Amino acid sequence: MDKKRVYKQAFFLILGVILSIFPVAAQAVAEAGLPQIIINIPSRTLELYQGEILLKEYPVAIGKPSTPTPVGEFTVFEKEVNPCWYPPGKQYVVPSGPDNPLGYRWLGIAPLYGIHGTNAPWSIGTAVSNGCVRMQEEDVEDLFERITCDTPVKIEYERVKVRVDDKGRATVGIYPDVYGRQKVTLLGVKQALAKAGLEGLAEEDFLQALIRKVPDQQVEFARIHKLKINGTLRPEYIITREGKKQIPVMTLADILNTTVSWDESKQTAARQDKVVPAKKLGNSVYIDIENLPNLFEGREVWNERENCLELTLPVAKFEGQIVSGDLWRMDSHRAMPALAVAKLLGERIKWQAATGELVVHGKPVSVAVIGEQPYISVADLGKVFNLAAEWDDTEQTLEMSYPLYAIDYSMYLDPGEEFF
């Protein structure tokens, strides 16, 4: 190996050490949307990311246990087409060609270590190299064109891999302990799922079977779908398990500012007097989408192109903010919970649950009792609370504003006093 190449590799080794001292740099690369490479030794895979988006995954060969591939953070400092090979401890050079084990592309990441092609394609997926990372020739040529020098490379040793692909397939993989460094436990797999935001979505028996078998590949356990409510994309998601789409019903209740109760002994979720089957996965309670209309009115549309469930649910808003999802259809009109309206406006009212009588401003008000709570017709909101209300059936939204009529406060003023 010529001196110029040795000096260059030494320089970039020092640079790599400096970057490893400041791991914030790796995070900055992800946040900036720049290309980065992650190589996982147990799964023998190389993943190319654009920021946090996985662009492509390639199978690779890694170092054998006696000459392991090093773990750590590196940087591509050298790109070479038709590289020569300098056999360790030998005094000769193997030029580019079919006898060269480096193949026809070389990506240097540290002195004596790199990502390269191979003249032994059968070796991909095994642990046979002197520490370098081998790729199929067509794969390394593809990678070579996608990246530049200074592309960060992270080599890790993770036997558990959790992934969600662009079609929403959630998978978990348990991989061989090729260097005898890491034991896989049920707790460790659960922690990996929780870190990925998938806590509780895989059954314990399923995970324990994977740990025993070590399938050496990703195994699907759920499908993840986006959730849009009344036109707003939510950070929460719905899932498909055992062929059925399911939604976290408590999260939905929180979004709509309403109440859903969970009965663990009966495995049910209830809203007012309506009850549906439910199941708790991790910290969330899920119900089947097909049972959603039994708890919530509204419309649902499945958007296949965006892998998204779009829900349009009836909500009441005050000055643009959701006040309540407790809008109930009563014959030809809708009703609002009177206590929620009074609280919103700071009104003092008297509710006698025993007699079903509601008094507002000293006058009795006609109400319907639902779930032991008084509901007032939307048409009566104006005359009872001086509240303007307009129902939009397309958007399934009740827009409220206050006051409906201007309030004359002069009757409450003392003419002998000054007010500013």
Protein backbone atom coordinates (compact mmCIF):
# COMPACT_ATOMS: atom_id res chain seq x y z
CA MET A 1 0.00 0.00 0.00
CA ASP A 2 1.50 3.38 -0.99
CA LYS A 3 2.34 6.01 1.64
CA LYS A 4 -0.10 8.56 0.26
CA ARG A 5 -2.98 6.18 0.80
CA VAL A 6 -1.80 5.30 4.32
CA TYR A 7 -1.58 9.00 5.26
CA LYS A 8 -5.07 9.63 3.90
CA GLN A 9 -6.53 6.73 5.84
CA ALA A 10 -4.80 7.85 9.03
CA PHE A 11 -6.24 11.35 8.64
CA PHE A 12 -9.77 10.08 8.26
CA LEU A 13 -9.32 7.66 11.15
CA ILE A 14 -8.54 10.65 13.39
CA LEU A 15 -11.55 12.46 11.94
CA GLY A 16 -13.75 9.44 12.68
CA VAL A 17 -12.55 9.37 16.29
CA ILE A 18 -13.38 13.06 16.68
CA LEU A 19 -16.87 12.52 15.26
CA SER A 20 -17.46 9.57 17.58
CA ILE A 21 -16.70 11.81 20.56
CA PHE A 22 -19.51 14.11 19.42
CA PRO A 23 -22.49 11.80 18.73
CA VAL A 24 -24.68 14.87 18.26
CA ALA A 25 -23.26 14.99 14.72
CA ALA A 26 -25.06 11.76 13.80
CA GLN A 27 -28.34 13.16 15.11
CA ALA A 28 -27.78 16.36 13.14
CA VAL A 29 -27.29 14.32 9.95
CA ALA A 30 -30.63 12.57 10.49
CA GLU A 31 -32.44 15.83 11.25
CA ALA A 32 -30.91 17.52 8.20
CA GLY A 33 -32.14 14.74 5.91
CA LEU A 34 -28.66 13.77 4.70
CA PRO A 35 -27.68 10.25 3.52
CA GLN A 36 -26.36 7.88 6.16
CA ILE A 37 -25.50 4.18 6.32
CA ILE A 38 -26.35 1.79 9.16
CA ILE A 39 -24.80 -1.70 9.13
CA ASN A 40 -26.14 -4.27 11.59
CA ILE A 41 -23.81 -7.20 12.18
CA PRO A 42 -26.25 -9.89 13.46
CA SER A 43 -28.71 -9.33 10.58
CA ARG A 44 -25.88 -8.91 8.03
CA THR A 45 -27.63 -5.94 6.46
CA LEU A 46 -26.68 -2.49 5.24
CA GLU A 47 -29.41 0.16 5.34
CA LEU A 48 -29.23 3.42 3.41
CA TYR A 49 -31.21 6.29 4.92
CA GLN A 50 -32.11 9.76 3.71
CA GLY A 51 -32.46 11.49 7.04
CA GLU A 52 -34.76 9.13 8.94
CA ILE A 53 -36.31 7.57 5.81
CA LEU A 54 -35.09 4.11 4.84
CA LEU A 55 -34.30 4.17 1.13
CA LYS A 56 -32.93 0.68 0.63
CA GLU A 57 -31.66 -2.38 2.49
CA TYR A 58 -28.87 -4.58 1.13
CA PRO A 59 -27.65 -8.03 2.29
CA VAL A 60 -23.94 -8.08 3.20
CA ALA A 61 -21.18 -10.39 4.40
CA ILE A 62 -19.31 -9.47 7.59
CA GLY A 63 -16.07 -10.38 9.32
CA LYS A 64 -15.66 -13.87 10.74
CA PRO A 65 -15.47 -14.19 14.56
CA SER A 66 -11.66 -14.27 14.52
CA THR A 67 -11.52 -11.05 12.44
CA PRO A 68 -14.77 -9.27 13.38
CA THR A 69 -16.19 -6.21 11.69
CA PRO A 70 -15.61 -3.28 14.06
CA VAL A 71 -18.57 -1.59 15.78
CA GLY A 72 -18.76 2.20 15.95
CA GLU A 73 -19.29 5.37 13.93
CA PHE A 74 -17.24 5.96 10.81
CA THR A 75 -17.23 8.12 7.69
CA VAL A 76 -16.82 7.26 4.03
CA PHE A 77 -13.51 8.97 3.21
CA GLU A 78 -12.61 7.22 -0.02
CA LYS A 79 -14.46 6.05 -3.13
CA GLU A 80 -12.57 4.00 -5.68
CA VAL A 81 -13.54 2.26 -8.92
CA ASN A 82 -11.61 -0.89 -9.87
CA PRO A 83 -9.58 -0.99 -6.64
CA CYS A 84 -6.39 -3.00 -6.17
CA TRP A 85 -6.15 -5.44 -3.27
CA TYR A 86 -3.18 -5.49 -0.91
CA PRO A 87 -3.27 -8.92 0.84
CA PRO A 88 -2.42 -8.57 4.56
CA GLY A 89 1.20 -9.55 5.24
CA LYS A 90 1.98 -10.08 1.57
CA GLN A 91 4.34 -8.19 -0.68
CA TYR A 92 2.27 -8.32 -3.84
CA VAL A 93 -0.77 -6.48 -5.22
CA VAL A 94 -3.84 -8.02 -6.88
CA PRO A 95 -5.09 -5.71 -9.64
CA SER A 96 -8.76 -5.16 -10.45
CA GLY A 97 -10.38 -8.13 -12.13
CA PRO A 98 -12.14 -11.45 -11.48
CA ASP A 99 -9.43 -12.58 -9.03
CA ASN A 100 -9.76 -9.47 -6.86
CA PRO A 101 -11.91 -10.16 -3.72
CA LEU A 102 -12.77 -6.43 -3.45
CA GLY A 103 -14.84 -6.57 -6.63
CA TYR A 104 -15.04 -3.36 -8.65
CA ARG A 105 -16.03 -0.77 -6.02
CA TRP A 106 -14.39 0.29 -2.75
CA LEU A 107 -15.78 2.63 -0.07
CA GLY A 108 -13.13 3.25 2.58
CA ILE A 109 -14.42 3.88 6.12
CA ALA A 110 -11.26 3.29 8.21
CA PRO A 111 -7.66 2.12 7.68
CA LEU A 112 -7.86 -1.42 6.27
CA TYR A 113 -11.67 -1.46 6.54
CA GLY A 114 -14.21 -0.70 3.86
CA ILE A 115 -17.43 -1.59 2.08
CA HIS A 116 -16.75 -3.32 -1.23
CA GLY A 117 -17.91 -5.77 -3.88
CA THR A 118 -16.88 -9.38 -4.09
CA ASN A 119 -15.82 -12.13 -6.47
CA ALA A 120 -17.52 -14.67 -4.19
CA PRO A 121 -21.23 -13.78 -4.35
CA TRP A 122 -22.12 -16.97 -2.47
CA SER A 123 -20.52 -15.47 0.65
CA ILE A 124 -23.11 -12.68 1.02
CA GLY A 125 -25.13 -13.20 4.20
CA THR A 126 -22.33 -15.01 6.02
CA ALA A 127 -19.49 -14.10 8.41
CA VAL A 128 -16.35 -14.87 6.36
CA SER A 129 -14.37 -11.69 5.68
CA ASN A 130 -11.29 -10.24 7.36
CA GLY A 131 -13.47 -7.49 8.83
CA CYS A 132 -14.64 -5.60 5.76
CA VAL A 133 -18.27 -5.48 4.65
CA ARG A 134 -18.90 -7.30 1.36
CA MET A 135 -21.82 -6.62 -0.98
CA GLN A 136 -23.14 -8.14 -4.18
CA GLU A 137 -21.47 -6.34 -7.07
CA GLU A 138 -24.68 -4.81 -8.40
CA ASP A 139 -25.59 -3.64 -4.89
CA VAL A 140 -22.28 -1.94 -4.13
CA GLU A 141 -22.33 -0.24 -7.52
CA ASP A 142 -25.83 1.04 -6.75
CA LEU A 143 -24.73 2.27 -3.30
CA PHE A 144 -21.58 3.81 -4.77
CA GLU A 145 -23.69 6.10 -6.99
CA ARG A 146 -26.04 7.10 -4.18
CA ILE A 147 -23.53 8.42 -1.65
CA THR A 148 -20.55 10.76 -1.46
CA CYS A 149 -17.45 11.01 0.65
CA ASP A 150 -18.24 12.23 4.19
CA THR A 151 -21.35 10.01 4.33
CA PRO A 152 -21.58 8.79 7.96
CA VAL A 153 -21.51 5.04 8.59
CA LYS A 154 -22.75 3.46 11.83
CA ILE A 155 -21.93 -0.20 12.49
CA GLU A 156 -24.00 -1.69 15.30
CA TYR A 157 -24.60 -5.02 16.99
CA GLU A 158 -28.36 -5.37 17.53
CA ARG A 159 -29.89 -8.83 17.51
CA VAL A 160 -33.42 -7.40 17.70
CA LYS A 161 -34.66 -5.28 14.80
CA VAL A 162 -38.06 -3.59 14.74
CA ARG A 163 -39.20 -2.01 11.50
CA VAL A 164 -42.29 -0.39 9.94
CA ASP A 165 -42.05 -0.20 6.14
CA ASP A 166 -43.66 2.30 3.79
CA LYS A 167 -46.75 0.08 3.49
CA GLY A 168 -47.24 0.04 7.26
CA ARG A 169 -46.02 -3.51 7.84
CA ALA A 170 -44.69 -3.77 11.40
CA THR A 171 -42.08 -6.52 11.76
CA VAL A 172 -39.68 -7.79 14.39
CA GLY A 173 -36.59 -9.89 13.71
CA ILE A 174 -34.37 -11.94 16.04
CA TYR A 175 -30.91 -12.59 14.58
CA PRO A 176 -28.01 -14.96 15.43
CA ASP A 177 -25.41 -13.96 17.99
CA VAL A 178 -22.60 -14.24 15.41
CA TYR A 179 -19.90 -12.93 17.78
CA GLY A 180 -21.38 -14.25 21.05
CA ARG A 181 -21.89 -10.76 22.45
CA GLN A 182 -25.60 -10.29 23.16
CA LYS A 183 -28.35 -12.33 24.81
CA VAL A 184 -31.94 -11.70 23.73
CA THR A 185 -34.63 -11.58 26.44
CA LEU A 186 -38.37 -11.04 26.35
CA LEU A 187 -37.89 -7.78 28.26
CA GLY A 188 -35.34 -6.60 25.69
CA VAL A 189 -37.67 -7.32 22.77
CA LYS A 190 -40.53 -5.50 24.53
CA GLN A 191 -38.28 -2.51 25.11
CA ALA A 192 -37.35 -2.46 21.42
CA LEU A 193 -41.04 -2.49 20.48
CA ALA A 194 -41.82 0.29 22.98
CA LYS A 195 -38.97 2.41 21.61
CA ALA A 196 -40.53 2.08 18.15
CA GLY A 197 -43.95 3.10 19.52
CA LEU A 198 -45.35 -0.43 19.07
CA GLU A 199 -45.71 -1.44 22.69
CA GLY A 200 -48.20 -4.23 23.33
CA LEU A 201 -48.98 -4.94 19.67
CA ALA A 202 -47.24 -8.32 19.67
CA GLU A 203 -48.41 -11.14 21.96
CA GLU A 204 -45.92 -12.54 24.50
CA ASP A 205 -46.30 -16.10 23.20
CA PHE A 206 -45.44 -14.88 19.71
CA LEU A 207 -42.33 -13.07 20.95
CA GLN A 208 -41.15 -15.98 23.09
CA ALA A 209 -41.49 -18.33 20.10
CA LEU A 210 -39.34 -15.96 18.01
CA ILE A 211 -36.67 -15.83 20.72
CA ARG A 212 -36.52 -19.63 20.85
CA LYS A 213 -36.49 -20.07 17.07
CA VAL A 214 -34.20 -17.13 16.08
CA PRO A 215 -35.81 -16.87 12.62
CA ASP A 216 -32.95 -14.76 11.17
CA GLN A 217 -35.46 -12.59 9.31
CA GLN A 218 -38.18 -9.99 9.90
CA VAL A 219 -41.58 -11.42 10.89
CA GLU A 220 -44.75 -9.36 10.50
CA PHE A 221 -46.97 -9.00 13.58
CA ALA A 222 -49.19 -6.01 12.72
CA ARG A 223 -49.92 -3.35 10.14
CA ILE A 224 -49.84 0.33 11.01
CA HIS A 225 -52.12 2.89 9.38
CA LYS A 226 -52.39 6.66 9.58
CA LEU A 227 -55.37 8.30 11.25
CA LYS A 228 -57.03 11.52 10.15
CA ILE A 229 -59.88 13.03 12.20
CA ASN A 230 -62.03 15.81 10.77
CA GLY A 231 -59.31 16.64 8.24
CA THR A 232 -56.40 16.69 10.73
CA LEU A 233 -53.66 14.04 10.56
CA ARG A 234 -53.09 12.65 14.05
CA PRO A 235 -49.81 11.41 15.57
CA GLU A 236 -51.69 8.33 16.77
CA TYR A 237 -52.32 5.43 14.40
CA ILE A 238 -54.63 2.49 13.91
CA ILE A 239 -53.48 -1.11 13.47
CA THR A 240 -54.47 -4.28 11.67
CA ARG A 241 -54.23 -7.45 13.75
CA GLU A 242 -55.64 -10.86 12.86
CA GLY A 243 -57.17 -9.36 9.72
CA LYS A 244 -59.12 -6.58 11.50
CA LYS A 245 -58.43 -2.85 11.68
CA GLN A 246 -58.45 -1.56 15.25
CA ILE A 247 -58.36 1.92 16.76
CA PRO A 248 -57.17 3.13 20.20
CA VAL A 249 -60.54 4.18 21.55
CA MET A 250 -59.32 6.05 24.65
CA THR A 251 -57.08 8.20 22.49
CA LEU A 252 -60.06 8.94 20.28
CA ALA A 253 -62.11 9.89 23.35
CA ASP A 254 -59.37 12.29 24.52
CA ILE A 255 -59.22 13.95 21.10
CA LEU A 256 -62.99 14.49 21.13
CA ASN A 257 -63.10 15.56 24.79
CA THR A 258 -65.58 12.85 25.65
CA THR A 259 -65.60 9.83 27.99
CA VAL A 260 -65.19 6.13 27.21
CA SER A 261 -64.94 3.61 30.06
CA TRP A 262 -62.88 0.38 29.97
CA ASP A 263 -64.07 -2.75 31.78
CA GLU A 264 -61.10 -5.09 32.05
CA SER A 265 -63.08 -7.95 33.57
CA LYS A 266 -65.58 -7.94 30.69
CA GLN A 267 -63.09 -6.78 28.02
CA THR A 268 -65.47 -4.06 26.85
CA ALA A 269 -65.46 -0.32 26.18
CA ALA A 270 -68.56 1.77 26.84
CA ARG A 271 -69.80 5.25 26.00
CA GLN A 272 -73.03 6.32 27.64
CA ASP A 273 -75.27 3.22 27.34
CA LYS A 274 -73.45 1.72 24.33
CA VAL A 275 -70.98 -1.16 24.83
CA VAL A 276 -68.58 -2.87 22.40
CA PRO A 277 -65.86 -5.57 22.73
CA ALA A 278 -62.37 -4.20 23.38
CA LYS A 279 -58.83 -5.37 24.10
CA LYS A 280 -55.94 -3.75 25.91
CA LEU A 281 -52.59 -3.87 24.12
CA GLY A 282 -49.77 -2.28 26.08
CA ASN A 283 -51.17 0.93 27.52
CA SER A 284 -53.91 1.39 24.90
CA VAL A 285 -57.43 -0.02 24.60
CA TYR A 286 -58.41 -1.00 21.04
CA ILE A 287 -61.76 -1.68 19.42
CA ASP A 288 -62.48 -3.01 15.95
CA ILE A 289 -63.21 -0.30 13.38
CA GLU A 290 -66.42 -2.12 12.49
CA ASN A 291 -67.67 -1.37 16.03
CA LEU A 292 -66.77 2.31 15.92
CA PRO A 293 -70.24 3.46 14.71
CA ASN A 294 -71.73 1.82 17.80
CA LEU A 295 -69.86 4.33 20.00
CA PHE A 296 -69.45 7.32 17.69
CA GLU A 297 -71.59 8.70 14.92
CA GLY A 298 -70.03 10.11 11.78
CA ARG A 299 -68.44 8.86 8.59
CA GLU A 300 -65.32 6.88 7.75
CA VAL A 301 -63.36 6.61 4.50
CA TRP A 302 -60.39 4.33 3.85
CA ASN A 303 -57.68 6.07 1.76
CA GLU A 304 -55.68 3.21 0.23
CA ARG A 305 -53.14 5.47 -1.48
CA GLU A 306 -52.18 7.18 1.78
CA ASN A 307 -52.68 4.08 3.98
CA CYS A 308 -54.98 6.24 6.11
CA LEU A 309 -58.36 5.98 7.81
CA GLU A 310 -60.19 9.30 7.51
CA LEU A 311 -62.86 9.86 10.15
CA THR A 312 -65.40 12.65 10.13
CA LEU A 313 -66.97 12.68 13.59
CA PRO A 314 -69.52 15.10 15.08
CA VAL A 315 -67.85 17.65 17.36
CA ALA A 316 -68.81 20.95 18.96
CA LYS A 317 -66.31 23.80 18.63
CA PHE A 318 -66.16 27.12 20.40
CA GLU A 319 -64.09 29.76 18.60
CA GLY A 320 -62.33 27.01 16.61
CA GLN A 321 -61.42 24.74 19.55
CA ILE A 322 -63.06 21.34 20.18
CA VAL A 323 -65.31 21.58 23.23
CA SER A 324 -66.99 18.20 23.13
CA GLY A 325 -67.63 15.15 21.01
CA ASP A 326 -70.80 14.45 22.97
CA LEU A 327 -73.22 15.52 20.27
CA TRP A 328 -76.22 13.23 20.20
CA ARG A 329 -78.86 12.92 17.52
CA MET A 330 -82.37 13.30 18.93
CA ASP A 331 -85.03 12.67 16.30
CA SER A 332 -84.34 15.32 13.64
CA HIS A 333 -81.98 17.52 15.66
CA ARG A 334 -78.82 17.33 17.77
CA ALA A 335 -78.29 18.00 21.46
CA MET A 336 -75.34 19.23 23.54
CA PRO A 337 -74.50 18.39 27.19
CA ALA A 338 -75.89 21.36 29.11
CA LEU A 339 -73.32 21.14 31.92
CA ALA A 340 -70.44 21.37 29.42
CA VAL A 341 -71.97 24.49 27.84
CA ALA A 342 -72.51 26.11 31.25
CA LYS A 343 -68.91 25.39 32.27
CA LEU A 344 -67.64 26.81 28.97
CA LEU A 345 -69.53 30.08 29.51
CA GLY A 346 -69.08 30.28 33.28
CA GLU A 347 -72.84 30.12 33.80
CA ARG A 348 -74.36 29.03 37.10
CA ILE A 349 -77.08 26.46 36.62
CA LYS A 350 -78.97 24.06 38.87
CA TRP A 351 -79.28 20.42 37.89
CA GLN A 352 -81.44 18.04 39.90
CA ALA A 353 -80.48 14.54 38.73
CA ALA A 354 -83.14 12.92 40.88
CA THR A 355 -85.98 14.85 39.26
CA GLY A 356 -84.35 15.47 35.86
CA GLU A 357 -84.90 19.24 36.25
CA LEU A 358 -82.47 21.84 34.88
CA VAL A 359 -82.77 25.49 35.95
CA VAL A 360 -80.90 28.26 34.09
CA HIS A 361 -81.25 31.91 35.18
CA GLY A 362 -84.06 30.85 37.48
CA LYS A 363 -86.09 29.29 34.68
CA PRO A 364 -86.68 25.59 34.02
CA VAL A 365 -85.25 24.31 30.73
CA SER A 366 -86.47 21.39 28.66
CA VAL A 367 -83.75 18.72 28.46
CA ALA A 368 -83.22 15.10 27.49
CA VAL A 369 -81.38 12.90 29.99
CA ILE A 370 -78.67 10.71 28.46
CA GLY A 371 -76.41 8.74 30.73
CA GLU A 372 -77.76 10.66 33.77
CA GLN A 373 -76.65 13.96 32.17
CA PRO A 374 -78.92 16.76 30.85
CA TYR A 375 -78.74 17.46 27.12
CA ILE A 376 -80.15 20.56 25.51
CA SER A 377 -81.25 20.87 21.91
CA VAL A 378 -78.87 22.85 19.69
CA ALA A 379 -81.90 24.88 18.54
CA ASP A 380 -82.40 26.03 22.15
CA LEU A 381 -78.81 27.13 22.83
CA GLY A 382 -79.51 30.69 21.73
CA LYS A 383 -82.49 31.40 23.97
CA VAL A 384 -81.10 29.53 26.99
CA PHE A 385 -77.42 30.57 26.93
CA ASN A 386 -77.38 33.45 24.41
CA LEU A 387 -75.03 31.28 22.36
CA ALA A 388 -74.87 31.34 18.56
CA ALA A 389 -74.67 27.81 17.11
CA GLU A 390 -74.52 26.58 13.50
CA TRP A 391 -74.41 22.92 12.44
CA ASP A 392 -72.37 21.97 9.35
CA ASP A 393 -73.50 18.52 8.26
CA THR A 394 -70.71 18.12 5.71
CA GLU A 395 -68.00 18.75 8.28
CA GLN A 396 -70.03 17.19 11.11
CA THR A 397 -69.21 20.26 13.19
CA LEU A 398 -71.25 22.49 15.48
CA GLU A 399 -69.63 25.94 15.47
CA MET A 400 -70.51 28.03 18.53
CA SER A 401 -69.81 31.68 19.31
CA TYR A 402 -70.80 34.06 22.10
CA PRO A 403 -72.86 36.12 22.54
CA LEU A 404 -75.73 35.68 20.13
CA TYR A 405 -77.20 39.04 21.20
CA ALA A 406 -75.34 42.04 22.56
CA ILE A 407 -75.59 42.23 26.35
CA ASP A 408 -76.60 45.53 27.96
CA TYR A 409 -74.73 45.78 31.26
CA SER A 410 -76.02 49.29 32.10
CA MET A 411 -78.71 47.91 34.37
CA TYR A 412 -76.00 46.58 36.66
CA LEU A 413 -74.12 49.92 36.95
CA ASP A 414 -74.45 52.42 39.79
CA PRO A 415 -74.98 55.85 38.17
CA GLY A 416 -73.18 57.44 41.13
CA GLU A 417 -69.90 55.68 40.30
CA GLU A 418 -67.40 56.21 37.49
CA PHE A 419 -66.29 53.34 35.30
CA PHE A 420 -63.29 53.35 32.98
